[in-house]
C-alpha atoms as a PDB file:
ATOM      1  CA  UNK A   1      -0.239   0.138  -0.052  1.00  0.00           C
ATOM      2  CA  UNK A   2       1.251   3.544  -0.719  1.00  0.00           C
ATOM      3  CA  UNK A   3       2.582   5.941   1.848  1.00  0.00           C
ATOM      4  CA  UNK A   4      -0.111   7.737   3.614  1.00  0.00           C
ATOM      5  CA  UNK A   5       0.503  11.432   3.178  1.00  0.00           C
ATOM      6  CA  UNK A   6      -2.563  13.025   5.018  1.00  0.00           C
ATOM      7  CA  UNK A   7      -4.739  12.053   7.868  1.00  0.00           C
ATOM      8  CA  UNK A   8      -7.475  12.833  10.058  1.00  0.00           C
ATOM      9  CA  UNK A   9      -8.568  11.481  12.802  1.00  0.00           C
ATOM     10  CA  UNK A  10     -12.041  11.978  14.511  1.00  0.00           C
ATOM     11  CA  UNK A  11     -11.603  15.774  12.777  1.00  0.00           C
ATOM     12  CA  UNK A  12     -14.737  17.698  13.869  1.00  0.00           C
ATOM     13  CA  UNK A  13     -16.212  21.229  13.500  1.00  0.00           C
ATOM     14  CA  UNK A  14     -19.012  22.662  15.503  1.00  0.00           C
ATOM     15  CA  UNK A  15     -20.753  25.941  14.838  1.00  0.00           C
ATOM     16  CA  UNK A  16     -22.614  26.479  17.906  1.00  0.00           C
ATOM     17  CA  UNK A  17     -25.321  24.075  17.611  1.00  0.00           C
ATOM     18  CA  UNK A  18     -24.601  23.208  14.694  1.00  0.00           C
ATOM     19  CA  UNK A  19     -22.056  20.028  13.577  1.00  0.00           C
ATOM     20  CA  UNK A  20     -20.383  20.766  10.468  1.00  0.00           C
ATOM     21  CA  UNK A  21     -17.853  17.862  10.065  1.00  0.00           C
ATOM     22  CA  UNK A  22     -18.483  14.903  12.466  1.00  0.00           C
ATOM     23  CA  UNK A  23     -15.582  12.828  13.783  1.00  0.00           C
ATOM     24  CA  UNK A  24     -14.176  12.157  10.036  1.00  0.00           C
ATOM     25  CA  UNK A  25     -11.107  10.246   9.957  1.00  0.00           C
ATOM     26  CA  UNK A  26      -9.641   9.629   6.650  1.00  0.00           C
ATOM     27  CA  UNK A  27      -6.382   8.864   5.018  1.00  0.00           C
ATOM     28  CA  UNK A  28      -4.635   9.919   1.343  1.00  0.00           C
ATOM     29  CA  UNK A  29      -2.134   8.054  -0.235  1.00  0.00           C
ATOM     30  CA  UNK A  30       0.692   9.366  -1.587  1.00  0.00           C
ATOM     31  CA  UNK A  31       0.739  10.117  -5.112  1.00  0.00           C
ATOM     32  CA  UNK A  32      -3.233   9.769  -5.994  1.00  0.00           C
ATOM     33  CA  UNK A  33      -5.484  12.327  -6.889  1.00  0.00           C
ATOM     34  CA  UNK A  34      -8.288  11.847  -4.794  1.00  0.00           C
ATOM     35  CA  UNK A  35     -11.851  13.132  -5.300  1.00  0.00           C
ATOM     36  CA  UNK A  36     -13.563  14.522  -2.439  1.00  0.00           C
ATOM     37  CA  UNK A  37     -17.715  14.116  -3.252  1.00  0.00           C
ATOM     38  CA  UNK A  38     -20.899  14.981  -1.518  1.00  0.00           C
ATOM     39  CA  UNK A  39     -24.027  16.890  -1.676  1.00  0.00           C
ATOM     40  CA  UNK A  40     -24.477  20.795  -0.603  1.00  0.00           C
ATOM     41  CA  UNK A  41     -23.949  20.830   3.022  1.00  0.00           C
ATOM     42  CA  UNK A  42     -22.113  17.950   3.163  1.00  0.00           C
ATOM     43  CA  UNK A  43     -19.079  19.388   4.993  1.00  0.00           C
ATOM     44  CA  UNK A  44     -16.602  19.314   2.532  1.00  0.00           C
ATOM     45  CA  UNK A  45     -15.292  23.065   2.208  1.00  0.00           C
ATOM     46  CA  UNK A  46     -15.312  23.033   6.089  1.00  0.00           C
ATOM     47  CA  UNK A  47     -13.147  19.820   5.962  1.00  0.00           C
ATOM     48  CA  UNK A  48     -10.785  21.387   3.757  1.00  0.00           C
ATOM     49  CA  UNK A  49     -10.137  24.681   5.836  1.00  0.00           C
ATOM     50  CA  UNK A  50      -9.209  22.559   8.682  1.00  0.00           C
ATOM     51  CA  UNK A  51      -7.130  20.939   7.062  1.00  0.00           C
ATOM     52  CA  UNK A  52      -5.335  24.064   5.845  1.00  0.00           C
ATOM     53  CA  UNK A  53      -5.687  26.009   8.945  1.00  0.00           C
ATOM     54  CA  UNK A  54      -8.238  28.179   8.076  1.00  0.00           C
ATOM     55  CA  UNK A  55     -10.203  27.003  10.302  1.00  0.00           C
ATOM     56  CA  UNK A  56      -9.368  25.047  13.861  1.00  0.00           C
ATOM     57  CA  UNK A  57     -11.496  21.918  14.836  1.00  0.00           C
ATOM     58  CA  UNK A  58     -13.750  21.547  17.592  1.00  0.00           C
ATOM     59  CA  UNK A  59     -12.211  18.039  18.309  1.00  0.00           C
ATOM     60  CA  UNK A  60      -9.777  15.470  16.561  1.00  0.00           C
ATOM     61  CA  UNK A  61      -6.624  15.891  14.236  1.00  0.00           C
ATOM     62  CA  UNK A  62      -4.719  16.378  11.079  1.00  0.00           C
ATOM     63  CA  UNK A  63      -1.286  14.542  10.142  1.00  0.00           C
ATOM     64  CA  UNK A  64       0.850  15.549   7.361  1.00  0.00           C
ATOM     65  CA  UNK A  65       3.613  12.809   6.709  1.00  0.00           C
ATOM     66  CA  UNK A  66       2.913  11.586  10.282  1.00  0.00           C
ATOM     67  CA  UNK A  67       3.342  15.021  12.018  1.00  0.00           C
ATOM     68  CA  UNK A  68       0.475  16.095  14.171  1.00  0.00           C
ATOM     69  CA  UNK A  69       0.048  19.346  12.323  1.00  0.00           C
ATOM     70  CA  UNK A  70      -3.480  20.184  14.222  1.00  0.00           C
ATOM     71  CA  UNK A  71      -4.629  24.079  14.477  1.00  0.00           C
ATOM     72  CA  UNK A  72      -1.345  25.279  12.523  1.00  0.00           C
ATOM     73  CA  UNK A  73      -1.657  28.394  10.666  1.00  0.00           C
ATOM     74  CA  UNK A  74      -2.688  28.850   6.693  1.00  0.00           C
ATOM     75  CA  UNK A  75       1.186  29.660   6.242  1.00  0.00           C
ATOM     76  CA  UNK A  76       2.626  27.080   8.495  1.00  0.00           C
ATOM     77  CA  UNK A  77       0.691  24.600   6.442  1.00  0.00           C
ATOM     78  CA  UNK A  78       1.906  25.840   3.323  1.00  0.00           C
ATOM     79  CA  UNK A  79       5.626  25.720   4.492  1.00  0.00           C
ATOM     80  CA  UNK A  80       4.934  22.318   5.630  1.00  0.00           C
ATOM     81  CA  UNK A  81       3.881  20.995   2.063  1.00  0.00           C
ATOM     82  CA  UNK A  82       0.248  21.439   2.171  1.00  0.00           C
ATOM     83  CA  UNK A  83      -1.241  24.286  -0.472  1.00  0.00           C
ATOM     84  CA  UNK A  84      -4.922  24.965  -1.426  1.00  0.00           C
ATOM     85  CA  UNK A  85      -6.872  26.730  -3.746  1.00  0.00           C
ATOM     86  CA  UNK A  86     -10.570  28.003  -3.104  1.00  0.00           C
ATOM     87  CA  UNK A  87     -13.665  28.033  -4.851  1.00  0.00           C
ATOM     88  CA  UNK A  88     -13.655  31.540  -5.399  1.00  0.00           C
ATOM     89  CA  UNK A  89     -10.295  32.601  -6.723  1.00  0.00           C
ATOM     90  CA  UNK A  90      -9.017  35.773  -4.308  1.00  0.00           C
ATOM     91  CA  UNK A  91      -6.456  37.325  -6.464  1.00  0.00           C
ATOM     92  CA  UNK A  92      -5.384  40.758  -5.939  1.00  0.00           C
ATOM     93  CA  UNK A  93      -7.535  42.250  -8.586  1.00  0.00           C
ATOM     94  CA  UNK A  94      -5.109  45.546  -9.093  1.00  0.00           C
ATOM     95  CA  UNK A  95      -1.875  43.869  -9.243  1.00  0.00           C
ATOM     96  CA  UNK A  96      -0.369  42.058 -12.402  1.00  0.00           C
ATOM     97  CA  UNK A  97      -0.812  38.067 -12.607  1.00  0.00           C
ATOM     98  CA  UNK A  98       2.788  38.169 -12.325  1.00  0.00           C
ATOM     99  CA  UNK A  99       2.848  40.256  -9.141  1.00  0.00           C
ATOM    100  CA  UNK A 100       0.132  37.787  -7.838  1.00  0.00           C
ATOM    101  CA  UNK A 101       2.360  34.695  -7.945  1.00  0.00           C
ATOM    102  CA  UNK A 102       5.604  36.494  -6.764  1.00  0.00           C
ATOM    103  CA  UNK A 103       3.846  37.172  -3.752  1.00  0.00           C
ATOM    104  CA  UNK A 104       2.937  33.851  -2.906  1.00  0.00           C
ATOM    105  CA  UNK A 105       6.696  32.465  -1.532  1.00  0.00           C
ATOM    106  CA  UNK A 106       6.516  33.018   2.165  1.00  0.00           C
ATOM    107  CA  UNK A 107       9.723  34.694   4.411  1.00  0.00           C
ATOM    108  CA  UNK A 108      10.655  37.026   1.474  1.00  0.00           C
ATOM    109  CA  UNK A 109      13.335  39.378   2.482  1.00  0.00           C
ATOM    110  CA  UNK A 110      11.704  42.304   1.480  1.00  0.00           C
ATOM    111  CA  UNK A 111       9.006  41.737   3.424  1.00  0.00           C
ATOM    112  CA  UNK A 112      10.750  42.168   6.928  1.00  0.00           C
ATOM    113  CA  UNK A 113      10.928  45.506   8.194  1.00  0.00           C
ATOM    114  CA  UNK A 114      14.834  46.127   8.011  1.00  0.00           C
ATOM    115  CA  UNK A 115      15.400  43.809   5.157  1.00  0.00           C
ATOM    116  CA  UNK A 116      15.061  46.567   2.562  1.00  0.00           C
ATOM    117  CA  UNK A 117      18.029  48.478   4.569  1.00  0.00           C
ATOM    118  CA  UNK A 118      20.667  45.746   5.742  1.00  0.00           C
ATOM    119  CA  UNK A 119      20.196  43.045   3.158  1.00  0.00           C
ATOM    120  CA  UNK A 120      19.538  44.921  -0.232  1.00  0.00           C
ATOM    121  CA  UNK A 121      21.863  42.948  -2.182  1.00  0.00           C
ATOM    122  CA  UNK A 122      20.555  39.566  -0.807  1.00  0.00           C
ATOM    123  CA  UNK A 123      16.773  40.979  -1.202  1.00  0.00           C
ATOM    124  CA  UNK A 124      17.651  41.796  -5.194  1.00  0.00           C
ATOM    125  CA  UNK A 125      18.748  38.430  -5.586  1.00  0.00           C
ATOM    126  CA  UNK A 126      15.934  36.851  -4.077  1.00  0.00           C
ATOM    127  CA  UNK A 127      13.638  38.573  -5.774  1.00  0.00           C
ATOM    128  CA  UNK A 128      14.851  37.899  -9.392  1.00  0.00           C
ATOM    129  CA  UNK A 129      15.237  34.131  -8.386  1.00  0.00           C
ATOM    130  CA  UNK A 130      11.248  34.589  -7.332  1.00  0.00           C
ATOM    131  CA  UNK A 131      10.441  36.282 -10.961  1.00  0.00           C
ATOM    132  CA  UNK A 132      12.246  33.839 -13.034  1.00  0.00           C
ATOM    133  CA  UNK A 133      10.353  31.070 -11.068  1.00  0.00           C
ATOM    134  CA  UNK A 134       7.313  32.833 -11.304  1.00  0.00           C
ATOM    135  CA  UNK A 135       7.454  33.463 -15.005  1.00  0.00           C
ATOM    136  CA  UNK A 136       8.299  29.764 -15.602  1.00  0.00           C
ATOM    137  CA  UNK A 137       4.997  28.497 -13.320  1.00  0.00           C
ATOM    138  CA  UNK A 138       2.994  30.656 -15.443  1.00  0.00           C
ATOM    139  CA  UNK A 139       4.210  29.366 -18.834  1.00  0.00           C
ATOM    140  CA  UNK A 140       3.555  26.174 -17.329  1.00  0.00           C
ATOM    141  CA  UNK A 141       0.115  27.385 -16.529  1.00  0.00           C
ATOM    142  CA  UNK A 142      -0.420  28.964 -20.026  1.00  0.00           C
ATOM    143  CA  UNK A 143      -0.719  32.457 -18.447  1.00  0.00           C
ATOM    144  CA  UNK A 144       2.820  33.611 -19.594  1.00  0.00           C
ATOM    145  CA  UNK A 145       1.309  35.701 -21.953  1.00  0.00           C
ATOM    146  CA  UNK A 146      -0.981  37.372 -19.389  1.00  0.00           C
ATOM    147  CA  UNK A 147       1.810  38.230 -17.317  1.00  0.00           C
ATOM    148  CA  UNK A 148       1.654  41.824 -17.283  1.00  0.00           C
ATOM    149  CA  UNK A 149      -2.146  42.238 -17.022  1.00  0.00           C
ATOM    150  CA  UNK A 150      -4.101  42.829 -14.114  1.00  0.00           C
ATOM    151  CA  UNK A 151      -5.290  39.729 -12.242  1.00  0.00           C
ATOM    152  CA  UNK A 152      -8.711  41.475 -11.897  1.00  0.00           C
ATOM    153  CA  UNK A 153      -9.025  41.376 -15.455  1.00  0.00           C
ATOM    154  CA  UNK A 154      -8.547  38.008 -16.791  1.00  0.00           C
ATOM    155  CA  UNK A 155     -11.618  35.411 -17.109  1.00  0.00           C
ATOM    156  CA  UNK A 156     -12.820  32.994 -14.411  1.00  0.00           C
ATOM    157  CA  UNK A 157     -11.134  29.998 -15.621  1.00  0.00           C
ATOM    158  CA  UNK A 158      -7.605  31.945 -15.969  1.00  0.00           C
ATOM    159  CA  UNK A 159      -8.200  32.863 -12.260  1.00  0.00           C
ATOM    160  CA  UNK A 160      -8.648  29.303 -11.359  1.00  0.00           C
ATOM    161  CA  UNK A 161      -4.979  28.471 -13.528  1.00  0.00           C
ATOM    162  CA  UNK A 162      -3.854  31.552 -11.533  1.00  0.00           C
ATOM    163  CA  UNK A 163      -4.625  30.080  -8.308  1.00  0.00           C
ATOM    164  CA  UNK A 164      -2.705  26.704  -9.355  1.00  0.00           C
ATOM    165  CA  UNK A 165       0.245  28.881 -10.197  1.00  0.00           C
ATOM    166  CA  UNK A 166       0.442  30.857  -6.711  1.00  0.00           C
ATOM    167  CA  UNK A 167      -0.231  27.459  -4.879  1.00  0.00           C
ATOM    168  CA  UNK A 168       2.846  26.101  -7.130  1.00  0.00           C
ATOM    169  CA  UNK A 169       5.331  28.756  -5.763  1.00  0.00           C
ATOM    170  CA  UNK A 170       5.516  26.590  -2.600  1.00  0.00           C
ATOM    171  CA  UNK A 171       6.344  23.518  -4.273  1.00  0.00           C
ATOM    172  CA  UNK A 172       3.942  21.747  -2.036  1.00  0.00           C
ATOM    173  CA  UNK A 173       3.754  17.836  -1.843  1.00  0.00           C
ATOM    174  CA  UNK A 174       0.244  17.981  -1.183  1.00  0.00           C
ATOM    175  CA  UNK A 175      -2.344  20.398  -3.174  1.00  0.00           C
ATOM    176  CA  UNK A 176      -6.051  20.484  -2.078  1.00  0.00           C
ATOM    177  CA  UNK A 177      -8.526  21.941  -5.048  1.00  0.00           C
ATOM    178  CA  UNK A 178     -11.745  23.392  -4.422  1.00  0.00           C
ATOM    179  CA  UNK A 179     -13.669  22.893  -7.324  1.00  0.00           C
ATOM    180  CA  UNK A 180     -11.132  23.766  -9.854  1.00  0.00           C
ATOM    181  CA  UNK A 181     -13.697  22.950 -12.976  1.00  0.00           C
ATOM    182  CA  UNK A 182     -16.640  24.806 -11.533  1.00  0.00           C
ATOM    183  CA  UNK A 183     -17.527  28.169 -14.097  1.00  0.00           C
ATOM    184  CA  UNK A 184     -14.577  27.332 -16.573  1.00  0.00           C
ATOM    185  CA  UNK A 185     -15.235  26.700 -19.951  1.00  0.00           C
ATOM    186  CA  UNK A 186     -14.020  23.309 -21.806  1.00  0.00           C
ATOM    187  CA  UNK A 187     -10.561  24.163 -23.260  1.00  0.00           C
ATOM    188  CA  UNK A 188      -9.513  25.744 -19.677  1.00  0.00           C
ATOM    189  CA  UNK A 189     -10.784  22.890 -17.956  1.00  0.00           C
ATOM    190  CA  UNK A 190      -8.752  20.716 -20.284  1.00  0.00           C
ATOM    191  CA  UNK A 191      -5.723  22.577 -19.344  1.00  0.00           C
ATOM    192  CA  UNK A 192      -6.224  22.468 -15.995  1.00  0.00           C
ATOM    193  CA  UNK A 193      -6.770  18.894 -16.076  1.00  0.00           C
ATOM    194  CA  UNK A 194      -3.603  18.381 -18.069  1.00  0.00           C
ATOM    195  CA  UNK A 195      -1.544  20.465 -15.656  1.00  0.00           C
ATOM    196  CA  UNK A 196      -3.077  18.366 -12.477  1.00  0.00           C
ATOM    197  CA  UNK A 197      -2.238  14.942 -14.347  1.00  0.00           C
ATOM    198  CA  UNK A 198       1.208  16.178 -15.324  1.00  0.00           C
ATOM    199  CA  UNK A 199       2.090  17.197 -11.546  1.00  0.00           C
ATOM    200  CA  UNK A 200       0.790  14.225 -10.640  1.00  0.00           C
ATOM    201  CA  UNK A 201       2.840  12.247 -12.662  1.00  0.00           C
ATOM    202  CA  UNK A 202       5.746  14.505 -11.318  1.00  0.00           C
ATOM    203  CA  UNK A 203       4.766  13.110  -7.430  1.00  0.00           C
ATOM    204  CA  UNK A 204       2.228  15.672  -6.531  1.00  0.00           C
ATOM    205  CA  UNK A 205      -0.754  14.638  -4.452  1.00  0.00           C
ATOM    206  CA  UNK A 206      -4.167  15.898  -4.568  1.00  0.00           C
ATOM    207  CA  UNK A 207      -7.235  16.124  -3.293  1.00  0.00           C
ATOM    208  CA  UNK A 208      -9.974  17.535  -4.884  1.00  0.00           C
ATOM    209  CA  UNK A 209     -13.668  18.710  -4.294  1.00  0.00           C
ATOM    210  CA  UNK A 210     -15.759  18.415  -7.167  1.00  0.00           C
ATOM    211  CA  UNK A 211     -19.485  18.165  -8.016  1.00  0.00           C
ATOM    212  CA  UNK A 212     -19.034  17.070 -11.804  1.00  0.00           C
ATOM    213  CA  UNK A 213     -19.176  13.487 -11.445  1.00  0.00           C
ATOM    214  CA  UNK A 214     -17.666  13.076 -15.179  1.00  0.00           C
ATOM    215  CA  UNK A 215     -14.635  14.952 -14.185  1.00  0.00           C
ATOM    216  CA  UNK A 216     -14.536  12.684 -10.797  1.00  0.00           C
ATOM    217  CA  UNK A 217     -14.899   9.749 -13.017  1.00  0.00           C
ATOM    218  CA  UNK A 218     -12.229  10.443 -15.446  1.00  0.00           C
ATOM    219  CA  UNK A 219      -9.485  11.790 -13.166  1.00  0.00           C
ATOM    220  CA  UNK A 220     -10.119  10.553  -9.659  1.00  0.00           C
ATOM    221  CA  UNK A 221      -8.992   7.419  -7.987  1.00  0.00           C
ATOM    222  CA  UNK A 222     -10.244   7.107  -5.057  1.00  0.00           C
ATOM    223  CA  UNK A 223     -13.303   8.679  -4.332  1.00  0.00           C
ATOM    224  CA  UNK A 224     -14.481  10.027  -0.478  1.00  0.00           C
ATOM    225  CA  UNK A 225     -17.855  10.766  -0.147  1.00  0.00           C
ATOM    226  CA  UNK A 226     -19.365  13.355   3.003  1.00  0.00           C
ATOM    227  CA  UNK A 227     -23.200  13.574   3.716  1.00  0.00           C
ATOM    228  CA  UNK A 228     -24.175  15.562   6.551  1.00  0.00           C
ATOM    229  CA  UNK A 229     -20.392  16.176   7.725  1.00  0.00           C
ATOM    230  CA  UNK A 230     -19.593  12.232   7.721  1.00  0.00           C
ATOM    231  CA  UNK A 231     -17.456   9.940   5.474  1.00  0.00           C
ATOM    232  CA  UNK A 232     -20.023   7.690   3.818  1.00  0.00           C
ATOM    233  CA  UNK A 233     -18.260   6.309   1.283  1.00  0.00           C
ATOM    234  CA  UNK A 234     -14.572   5.418  -0.016  1.00  0.00           C
ATOM    235  CA  UNK A 235     -13.665   3.261  -2.917  1.00  0.00           C
ATOM    236  CA  UNK A 236     -13.329   4.031  -6.909  1.00  0.00           C
ATOM    237  CA  UNK A 237     -15.325   6.609  -8.935  1.00  0.00           C
ATOM    238  CA  UNK A 238     -16.904   3.865 -10.605  1.00  0.00           C
ATOM    239  CA  UNK A 239     -18.090   2.212  -7.229  1.00  0.00           C
ATOM    240  CA  UNK A 240     -19.936   5.653  -5.926  1.00  0.00           C
ATOM    241  CA  UNK A 241     -22.149   5.640  -8.670  1.00  0.00           C
ATOM    242  CA  UNK A 242     -23.791   2.293  -7.562  1.00  0.00           C
ATOM    243  CA  UNK A 243     -23.200   2.839  -4.065  1.00  0.00           C
ATOM    244  CA  UNK A 244     -26.759   2.816  -2.166  1.00  0.00           C
ATOM    245  CA  UNK A 245     -25.783   4.936   0.842  1.00  0.00           C
ATOM    246  CA  UNK A 246     -24.091   7.631  -1.410  1.00  0.00           C
ATOM    247  CA  UNK A 247     -26.872   7.487  -3.742  1.00  0.00           C
ATOM    248  CA  UNK A 248     -29.360   7.960  -1.024  1.00  0.00           C
ATOM    249  CA  UNK A 249     -27.092  10.843   0.617  1.00  0.00           C
ATOM    250  CA  UNK A 250     -27.276  12.698  -2.643  1.00  0.00           C
ATOM    251  CA  UNK A 251     -31.082  11.727  -3.423  1.00  0.00           C
ATOM    252  CA  UNK A 252     -31.622  13.087   0.342  1.00  0.00           C
ATOM    253  CA  UNK A 253     -29.990  16.474  -0.180  1.00  0.00           C
ATOM    254  CA  UNK A 254     -32.061  17.170  -3.255  1.00  0.00           C
ATOM    255  CA  UNK A 255     -35.189  16.331  -1.428  1.00  0.00           C
ATOM    256  CA  UNK A 256     -34.627  18.500   1.021  1.00  0.00           C
ATOM    257  CA  UNK A 257     -34.111  21.730  -1.116  1.00  0.00           C
END
């Protein structure tokens, strides 16, 4: 069995009396593209937010490469090797696409109070290296020709690719994507899938929240399903389509709408 890169144990999150995630224990194998599915309100984004430090769990723990990282800040999670995108991209709209990507690396010399005064030569060298890497990453995600464009002026699909580029600047081994194909035209979805699969071949592990079952069937293995904050299914995408518990979870959510 492949090595486990991410594990949760009894992960729980309450919002007052409402339990959004209820005792979730799961593991993600290194080198996989794991699909995280479930009806709206199942707790998928809340789970992502706990995994990446956006939310502190009410109970339970998160382990990355066997290390307990429960409650670490998003920056600390990023430094530890876990990157994530958001369902709704969050670029700095007035900054260029290139500048957005260059902001991603942590602990830049120029960000410190005295760095620009005491380490000017080192700061310039670091900035040149970051710029070169950012341009390379933008070429990889097919946004190189938009490097100087304001990030707020590119399309929604291009913003999803920009999100991926920002994640890649930290060279994480584990990448969490929240509905990467949502609202993206087929051409850009195809580009995004190609890049995900290329990165996976290079050794990156992915966990992807996705409602598009065609996407999941074609590109995710294994699949983990949540319903009402609990894991109700783990298996292949093909098995998920005929699993009675999972089908009932989806149909039940639809009847409640």
